[in-house]
Each structure stands twice: as structure tokens, then as C-alpha cells.
N, C-alpha and C. Protein backbone atom coordinates (compact mmCIF):
# COMPACT_ATOMS: atom_id res chain seq x y z
N UNK A 1 26.60 76.29 25.03
CA UNK A 1 26.03 77.30 24.01
C UNK A 1 25.74 76.41 22.96
N UNK A 2 26.63 75.63 22.04
CA UNK A 2 26.71 75.04 21.17
C UNK A 2 25.87 73.77 21.14
N UNK A 3 25.72 73.15 22.39
CA UNK A 3 24.62 72.18 22.63
C UNK A 3 23.37 72.68 22.73
N UNK A 4 22.75 73.83 23.28
CA UNK A 4 21.54 74.67 23.26
C UNK A 4 21.42 74.55 21.78
N UNK A 5 22.51 74.94 20.97
CA UNK A 5 21.90 75.64 19.29
C UNK A 5 21.86 74.08 18.85
N UNK A 6 22.17 73.32 18.95
CA UNK A 6 22.21 72.05 18.55
C UNK A 6 20.85 71.27 18.66
N UNK A 7 20.41 71.23 20.00
CA UNK A 7 19.55 70.49 20.42
C UNK A 7 18.13 71.49 19.83
N UNK A 8 18.41 72.48 19.60
CA UNK A 8 17.20 73.82 19.26
C UNK A 8 17.11 73.22 17.50
N UNK A 9 18.24 73.02 16.99
CA UNK A 9 18.04 72.53 15.36
C UNK A 9 17.28 71.32 15.22
N UNK A 10 17.84 70.07 16.11
CA UNK A 10 17.34 68.87 16.22
C UNK A 10 15.91 68.68 16.11
N UNK A 11 15.30 69.81 17.29
CA UNK A 11 14.07 69.78 17.79
C UNK A 11 13.12 70.20 16.55
N UNK A 12 13.91 71.64 16.26
CA UNK A 12 12.91 72.27 15.04
C UNK A 12 12.85 71.38 13.56
N UNK A 13 14.42 70.75 13.55
CA UNK A 13 13.98 69.55 11.96
C UNK A 13 13.06 68.58 12.37
N UNK A 14 13.33 68.22 13.74
CA UNK A 14 12.14 66.99 13.68
C UNK A 14 10.36 67.20 13.77
N UNK A 15 10.42 68.42 14.43
CA UNK A 15 8.83 69.09 14.18
C UNK A 15 8.49 69.45 12.62
N UNK A 16 9.60 70.19 11.70
CA UNK A 16 9.39 70.16 10.47
C UNK A 16 8.85 68.75 9.72
N UNK A 17 10.03 67.88 10.03
CA UNK A 17 9.77 66.71 9.39
C UNK A 17 8.51 65.88 9.61
N UNK A 18 8.05 66.06 10.90
CA UNK A 18 6.82 65.49 11.14
C UNK A 18 5.42 66.18 10.82
N UNK A 19 5.66 67.42 10.31
CA UNK A 19 4.33 68.09 9.72
C UNK A 19 3.98 68.62 11.02
N UNK A 20 4.06 68.96 11.77
CA UNK A 20 3.52 69.73 12.71
C UNK A 20 3.36 71.25 12.61
N UNK A 21 4.49 71.83 12.01
CA UNK A 21 4.43 73.12 11.53
C UNK A 21 3.56 73.34 10.29
N UNK A 22 3.13 74.71 10.04
CA UNK A 22 2.74 74.77 9.00
C UNK A 22 1.42 74.01 8.30
N UNK A 23 0.63 73.59 9.28
CA UNK A 23 -0.28 73.25 8.88
C UNK A 23 -1.34 73.85 8.89
N UNK A 24 -2.45 73.71 7.98
CA UNK A 24 -3.64 75.06 7.83
C UNK A 24 -4.42 74.51 9.02
N UNK A 25 -4.95 75.44 9.60
CA UNK A 25 -6.02 75.39 10.65
C UNK A 25 -7.41 75.92 9.94
N UNK A 26 -8.65 75.08 10.29
CA UNK A 26 -10.02 75.84 9.68
C UNK A 26 -10.01 77.07 9.97
N UNK A 27 -10.75 77.64 8.62
CA UNK A 27 -10.91 79.21 8.42
C UNK A 27 -12.19 79.69 9.17
N UNK A 28 -12.20 80.15 10.29
CA UNK A 28 -13.86 80.28 10.99
C UNK A 28 -14.65 81.36 10.37
N UNK A 29 -13.97 82.44 9.50
CA UNK A 29 -14.76 83.34 8.57
C UNK A 29 -15.25 82.59 7.47
N UNK A 30 -14.57 81.83 7.12
CA UNK A 30 -15.00 80.81 5.76
C UNK A 30 -16.35 80.10 6.23
N UNK A 31 -16.11 79.25 7.49
CA UNK A 31 -17.35 78.45 7.81
C UNK A 31 -18.28 79.36 8.46
N UNK A 32 -18.33 80.29 8.90
CA UNK A 32 -19.27 80.96 8.94
C UNK A 32 -20.25 81.70 7.59
N UNK A 33 -19.56 82.19 6.90
CA UNK A 33 -19.98 82.67 5.42
C UNK A 33 -20.96 81.45 4.97
N UNK A 34 -20.49 80.06 4.93
CA UNK A 34 -21.11 79.23 4.38
C UNK A 34 -22.22 78.65 4.90
N UNK A 35 -21.90 78.76 6.37
CA UNK A 35 -22.98 78.42 7.16
C UNK A 35 -24.17 79.27 7.28
N UNK A 36 -24.00 80.53 7.29
CA UNK A 36 -25.00 81.83 7.03
C UNK A 36 -25.72 81.53 5.65
N UNK A 37 -25.02 81.27 4.44
CA UNK A 37 -25.65 81.22 3.22
C UNK A 37 -26.41 79.87 3.32
N UNK A 38 -26.30 79.02 3.81
CA UNK A 38 -26.69 77.82 3.58
C UNK A 38 -28.38 78.18 4.82
N UNK A 39 -28.03 78.65 5.93
CA UNK A 39 -29.05 78.92 6.85
C UNK A 39 -30.07 79.99 6.26
N UNK A 40 -29.63 80.97 5.14
CA UNK A 40 -30.80 81.83 4.62
C UNK A 40 -31.68 81.18 3.66
N UNK A 41 -31.01 80.04 2.70
CA UNK A 41 -31.50 79.37 1.99
C UNK A 41 -32.07 78.26 1.70
N UNK A 42 -31.47 77.55 2.74
CA UNK A 42 -31.81 76.17 2.95
C UNK A 42 -31.41 75.10 1.51
N UNK A 43 -30.88 76.08 0.76
CA UNK A 43 -30.20 75.23 -0.51
C UNK A 43 -28.81 74.91 -0.63
N UNK A 44 -28.28 73.63 -1.59
CA UNK A 44 -27.30 73.61 -1.29
C UNK A 44 -26.17 74.73 -1.53
N UNK A 45 -25.09 74.97 -0.97
CA UNK A 45 -24.62 76.40 -1.30
C UNK A 45 -23.47 76.55 -2.31
N UNK A 46 -23.51 77.26 -3.25
CA UNK A 46 -22.76 77.23 -4.41
C UNK A 46 -21.57 78.35 -4.05
N UNK A 47 -20.72 77.62 -3.88
CA UNK A 47 -19.27 78.25 -3.38
C UNK A 47 -18.77 79.11 -4.38
N UNK A 48 -18.94 78.91 -5.57
CA UNK A 48 -18.17 79.67 -6.61
C UNK A 48 -19.30 81.27 -6.54
N UNK A 49 -20.24 81.19 -6.00
CA UNK A 49 -20.74 82.79 -5.75
C UNK A 49 -20.74 83.44 -4.62
N UNK A 50 -19.97 82.72 -3.78
CA UNK A 50 -20.07 83.44 -2.10
C UNK A 50 -18.65 83.77 -2.43
N UNK A 51 -18.45 85.33 -1.69
CA UNK A 51 -16.57 85.99 -1.38
C UNK A 51 -16.34 85.27 -0.07
N UNK A 52 -15.66 84.30 -0.01
CA UNK A 52 -15.23 83.68 0.74
C UNK A 52 -13.75 84.57 1.45
N UNK A 53 -13.10 85.00 0.71
CA UNK A 53 -12.02 85.89 1.09
C UNK A 53 -10.91 85.51 0.49
N UNK A 54 -10.53 84.58 -0.10
CA UNK A 54 -9.50 83.82 -0.77
C UNK A 54 -9.96 83.43 -2.17
N UNK A 55 -8.80 83.14 -2.76
CA UNK A 55 -8.88 82.77 -4.15
C UNK A 55 -8.48 81.42 -4.51
N UNK A 56 -9.47 80.53 -4.91
CA UNK A 56 -9.31 79.24 -5.11
C UNK A 56 -9.56 78.63 -6.55
N UNK A 57 -9.39 77.86 -6.68
CA UNK A 57 -9.72 76.69 -8.28
C UNK A 57 -10.75 75.93 -8.08
N UNK A 58 -10.71 74.72 -6.95
CA UNK A 58 -11.55 73.71 -6.74
C UNK A 58 -11.58 73.56 -5.33
N UNK A 59 -11.90 72.81 -5.05
CA UNK A 59 -12.27 72.31 -3.70
C UNK A 59 -12.47 70.80 -3.66
N UNK A 60 -12.13 70.02 -2.13
CA UNK A 60 -12.19 68.75 -1.73
C UNK A 60 -13.24 68.69 -0.65
N UNK A 61 -14.23 67.90 -0.63
CA UNK A 61 -14.91 67.37 0.54
C UNK A 61 -14.07 66.24 1.30
N UNK A 62 -13.67 66.38 2.63
CA UNK A 62 -13.40 65.13 3.12
C UNK A 62 -14.15 65.07 4.54
N UNK A 63 -14.69 63.57 4.35
CA UNK A 63 -15.51 63.27 5.08
C UNK A 63 -15.21 62.62 6.09
N UNK A 64 -16.08 62.48 7.37
CA UNK A 64 -15.41 61.94 8.33
C UNK A 64 -14.52 61.04 8.37
N UNK A 65 -13.29 60.86 9.28
CA UNK A 65 -12.45 59.94 9.68
C UNK A 65 -11.59 59.58 7.87
N UNK A 66 -11.78 60.88 7.09
CA UNK A 66 -10.94 60.49 5.76
C UNK A 66 -9.17 60.61 6.50
N UNK A 67 -8.31 59.92 5.59
CA UNK A 67 -7.09 60.26 5.68
C UNK A 67 -6.45 61.01 4.46
N UNK A 68 -5.77 62.50 4.82
CA UNK A 68 -5.46 63.22 3.96
C UNK A 68 -4.21 62.49 3.28
N UNK A 69 -3.37 61.94 3.74
CA UNK A 69 -2.59 61.22 3.06
C UNK A 69 -2.97 60.34 1.89
N UNK A 70 -3.88 59.57 2.24
CA UNK A 70 -4.50 58.48 1.29
C UNK A 70 -4.91 59.39 0.02
N UNK A 71 -5.97 60.75 0.43
CA UNK A 71 -6.52 61.18 -0.64
C UNK A 71 -5.12 61.84 -1.48
N UNK A 72 -4.16 62.13 -1.00
CA UNK A 72 -3.25 62.99 -1.54
C UNK A 72 -2.58 61.71 -2.77
N UNK A 73 -2.82 60.46 -2.28
CA UNK A 73 -2.11 59.64 -3.13
C UNK A 73 -3.02 59.23 -4.20
N UNK A 74 -4.23 59.30 -3.99
CA UNK A 74 -5.04 59.45 -5.36
C UNK A 74 -5.24 60.37 -6.35
N UNK A 75 -4.45 61.57 -5.48
CA UNK A 75 -4.58 62.68 -6.35
C UNK A 75 -3.02 63.33 -6.16
N UNK A 76 -2.03 62.29 -6.66
CA UNK A 76 -0.74 62.84 -6.99
C UNK A 76 -0.33 64.48 -7.24
N UNK A 77 -1.03 64.92 -8.21
CA UNK A 77 -1.06 65.84 -8.80
C UNK A 77 -1.34 67.36 -7.65
N UNK A 78 -2.12 66.91 -6.72
CA UNK A 78 -2.31 67.83 -5.62
C UNK A 78 -0.69 68.33 -4.36
N UNK A 79 -0.98 69.12 -4.03
CA UNK A 79 0.15 69.32 -2.63
C UNK A 79 -0.83 69.37 -1.67
N UNK A 80 -0.81 68.13 -0.50
CA UNK A 80 -2.02 68.46 0.54
C UNK A 80 -1.18 68.56 1.84
N UNK A 81 0.24 68.65 1.75
CA UNK A 81 1.05 68.27 2.88
C UNK A 81 0.50 68.95 4.13
N UNK A 82 0.08 70.41 3.96
CA UNK A 82 -0.32 71.36 5.02
C UNK A 82 -1.57 70.86 5.51
N UNK A 83 -2.17 69.55 5.13
CA UNK A 83 -3.38 69.33 5.87
C UNK A 83 -3.40 67.65 6.30
N UNK A 84 -2.06 67.41 6.28
CA UNK A 84 -2.19 65.80 6.60
C UNK A 84 -2.19 65.84 8.16
N UNK A 85 -2.28 66.91 9.01
CA UNK A 85 -2.70 66.43 10.75
C UNK A 85 -3.67 66.93 10.67
N UNK A 86 -4.74 67.05 9.79
CA UNK A 86 -6.20 67.59 10.06
C UNK A 86 -7.01 66.69 10.99
N UNK A 87 -7.80 67.46 12.02
CA UNK A 87 -8.54 66.50 12.86
C UNK A 87 -9.50 65.94 12.25
N UNK A 88 -9.95 65.70 11.02
CA UNK A 88 -10.84 65.12 10.25
C UNK A 88 -10.59 63.61 10.44
N UNK A 89 -9.60 63.42 10.45
CA UNK A 89 -9.45 62.06 10.76
C UNK A 89 -9.85 61.19 12.19
N UNK A 90 -9.87 61.72 12.91
CA UNK A 90 -10.78 61.49 14.50
C UNK A 90 -11.90 62.05 14.84
N UNK A 91 -12.48 62.53 13.57
CA UNK A 91 -14.00 63.30 13.83
C UNK A 91 -15.11 62.96 13.35
N UNK A 92 -16.43 62.60 13.57
CA UNK A 92 -17.14 62.24 13.08
C UNK A 92 -18.51 63.37 13.10
N UNK A 93 -18.08 64.50 13.68
CA UNK A 93 -19.64 65.43 13.69
C UNK A 93 -19.35 66.68 12.71
N UNK A 94 -18.21 66.70 11.95
CA UNK A 94 -18.13 67.69 10.59
C UNK A 94 -17.44 66.80 9.66
N UNK A 95 -17.87 67.61 8.43
CA UNK A 95 -17.07 67.29 7.33
C UNK A 95 -15.84 68.48 7.04
N UNK A 96 -15.01 68.30 6.51
CA UNK A 96 -13.74 69.51 5.82
C UNK A 96 -14.27 69.83 4.61
N UNK A 97 -14.12 71.23 4.26
CA UNK A 97 -13.90 71.45 2.69
C UNK A 97 -12.19 71.71 2.77
N UNK A 98 -11.74 71.67 1.68
CA UNK A 98 -10.04 72.15 1.53
C UNK A 98 -10.12 72.64 0.35
N UNK A 99 -9.75 73.93 0.20
CA UNK A 99 -10.02 74.81 -0.73
C UNK A 99 -8.23 74.62 -1.54
N UNK A 100 -8.13 74.74 -2.89
CA UNK A 100 -7.28 74.54 -3.62
C UNK A 100 -7.06 75.26 -4.95
N UNK A 101 -5.72 75.90 -4.73
CA UNK A 101 -5.47 76.61 -5.51
C UNK A 101 -3.95 76.29 -6.20
N UNK A 102 -3.80 76.59 -7.38
CA UNK A 102 -2.55 76.11 -8.40
C UNK A 102 -2.26 74.66 -7.66
N UNK A 103 -2.82 73.83 -7.61
CA UNK A 103 -2.73 72.32 -6.93
C UNK A 103 -2.49 72.05 -5.35
N UNK A 104 -2.53 73.01 -4.83
CA UNK A 104 -2.18 73.29 -3.37
C UNK A 104 -3.14 73.50 -2.54
N UNK A 105 -3.27 72.95 -1.25
CA UNK A 105 -4.32 73.23 -0.43
C UNK A 105 -3.72 74.33 0.03
N UNK A 106 -4.77 75.67 0.29
CA UNK A 106 -4.60 77.19 0.79
C UNK A 106 -5.15 77.40 1.77
N UNK A 107 -6.51 76.90 2.15
CA UNK A 107 -7.77 76.79 3.21
C UNK A 107 -8.52 75.86 3.76
N UNK A 108 -9.00 75.98 4.64
CA UNK A 108 -9.87 74.73 5.13
C UNK A 108 -10.89 75.39 5.97
N UNK A 109 -12.08 74.67 5.94
CA UNK A 109 -13.30 74.98 7.21
C UNK A 109 -13.85 73.53 7.39
N UNK A 110 -14.12 73.65 8.45
CA UNK A 110 -14.96 72.56 9.17
C UNK A 110 -16.50 73.13 9.41
N UNK A 111 -17.33 71.90 8.54
CA UNK A 111 -18.67 72.65 8.43
C UNK A 111 -19.45 71.13 9.11
N UNK A 112 -20.82 71.37 9.62
CA UNK A 112 -21.67 70.54 10.28
C UNK A 112 -22.09 69.58 8.96
N UNK A 113 -22.21 68.56 9.17
CA UNK A 113 -22.84 67.43 8.45
C UNK A 113 -24.07 67.84 7.76
N UNK A 114 -24.74 68.75 8.18
CA UNK A 114 -26.31 68.95 7.89
C UNK A 114 -26.24 69.91 6.55
N UNK A 115 -24.97 70.79 6.54
CA UNK A 115 -24.53 71.66 5.31
C UNK A 115 -24.56 71.14 4.21
N UNK A 116 -25.33 71.51 3.06
CA UNK A 116 -25.43 71.00 1.86
C UNK A 116 -23.98 71.98 0.98
N UNK A 117 -23.23 71.28 -0.03
CA UNK A 117 -22.83 72.19 -0.92
C UNK A 117 -23.03 71.35 -2.48
N UNK A 118 -23.12 72.69 -2.89
CA UNK A 118 -23.29 72.08 -4.17
C UNK A 118 -21.80 71.78 -5.07
N UNK A 119 -21.99 70.95 -5.66
CA UNK A 119 -20.71 70.09 -6.68
C UNK A 119 -19.80 71.47 -7.56
N UNK A 120 -20.28 72.32 -7.60
CA UNK A 120 -19.58 73.08 -8.91
C UNK A 120 -18.52 73.52 -8.04
N UNK A 121 -17.28 73.52 -9.07
CA UNK A 121 -15.93 73.39 -8.72
C UNK A 121 -15.53 72.26 -7.89
N UNK A 122 -15.77 71.39 -7.43
CA UNK A 122 -15.64 70.45 -6.77
C UNK A 122 -14.66 69.44 -7.59
N UNK A 123 -13.58 69.07 -6.96
CA UNK A 123 -12.43 67.91 -7.45
C UNK A 123 -12.95 66.49 -7.26
N UNK A 124 -12.89 65.89 -8.10
CA UNK A 124 -13.26 64.66 -8.23
C UNK A 124 -12.20 63.90 -7.56
N UNK A 125 -12.34 63.23 -6.65
CA UNK A 125 -11.14 62.19 -6.24
C UNK A 125 -10.88 61.06 -7.01
N UNK A 126 -11.56 60.91 -8.09
CA UNK A 126 -10.89 59.91 -9.20
C UNK A 126 -10.59 60.39 -10.52
N UNK A 127 -10.28 61.58 -10.48
CA UNK A 127 -9.70 62.15 -11.50
C UNK A 127 -7.99 61.75 -11.57
N UNK A 128 -7.69 61.60 -12.90
CA UNK A 128 -6.02 61.04 -12.55
C UNK A 128 -5.41 62.16 -13.34
N UNK A 129 -5.51 63.32 -14.44
CA UNK A 129 -4.90 64.36 -14.80
C UNK A 129 -4.68 65.62 -13.62
């Protein structure tokens, strides 16, 4: 019995330390709302005017093959640990929006590369403060 508990604790610790638990998954409702808005207007989507169902301060756009850990190094004030395992690292058919609240990633969505997003509210990857 003690062995089972010990093995379970080791596996749980390993999973948490590797970052596989508590990773954000792309939010399909947000994706649908943004895509619908773009399809209606064919203009860049101003995310600040859409009701996305979340409260956010800023957003990042991760291009195909982006490495979230590298972006976290460029923007050390942000906590992006919950997107370290994002599939954007291996994909070239979409980009990923990462919504930030209080310097922590709170939601993501994957969008087709033909969707245009207004830069209003976008976090500059070269900000230093």
C-alpha cells in the first residue's frame, strides 16, 4: 500500500514538474466569436470591442512555430508557464492568441492565419517593463 502511494506521488510530482498539468487549452468559444466577427466585416477584429466572455488586459499573438518559453524570456514580467506546452510550436496552419490578465496568461485561442486582428491591446514582444 505504501509503495502504491509513493509511486503515485512520484508520478504526480513528475507530471506537475514537466508542466503537463494545468496547461491552457484553446478556447473554442473565443475562437468562434473572433472568426464570426471577421467573417461579418472582413476587417481586422478589434478585440477590445468584442464580448469574449473573459476579462483580459492585453494579448500576445504567437506565430507558427513560436516557442512560449523563449517569449517568456523576452517578457520576464509575464507568467506564461501554463502555455509552455502549446501546440503552436509544431503547427503552421494557425496562430495563437494568448490573453493576459495581471501579467498571467488566462486564455488562448487558435485562429486561421487569414484572420486579421487589430493591434489595439496587443502586447509588444520588445517591451522591457
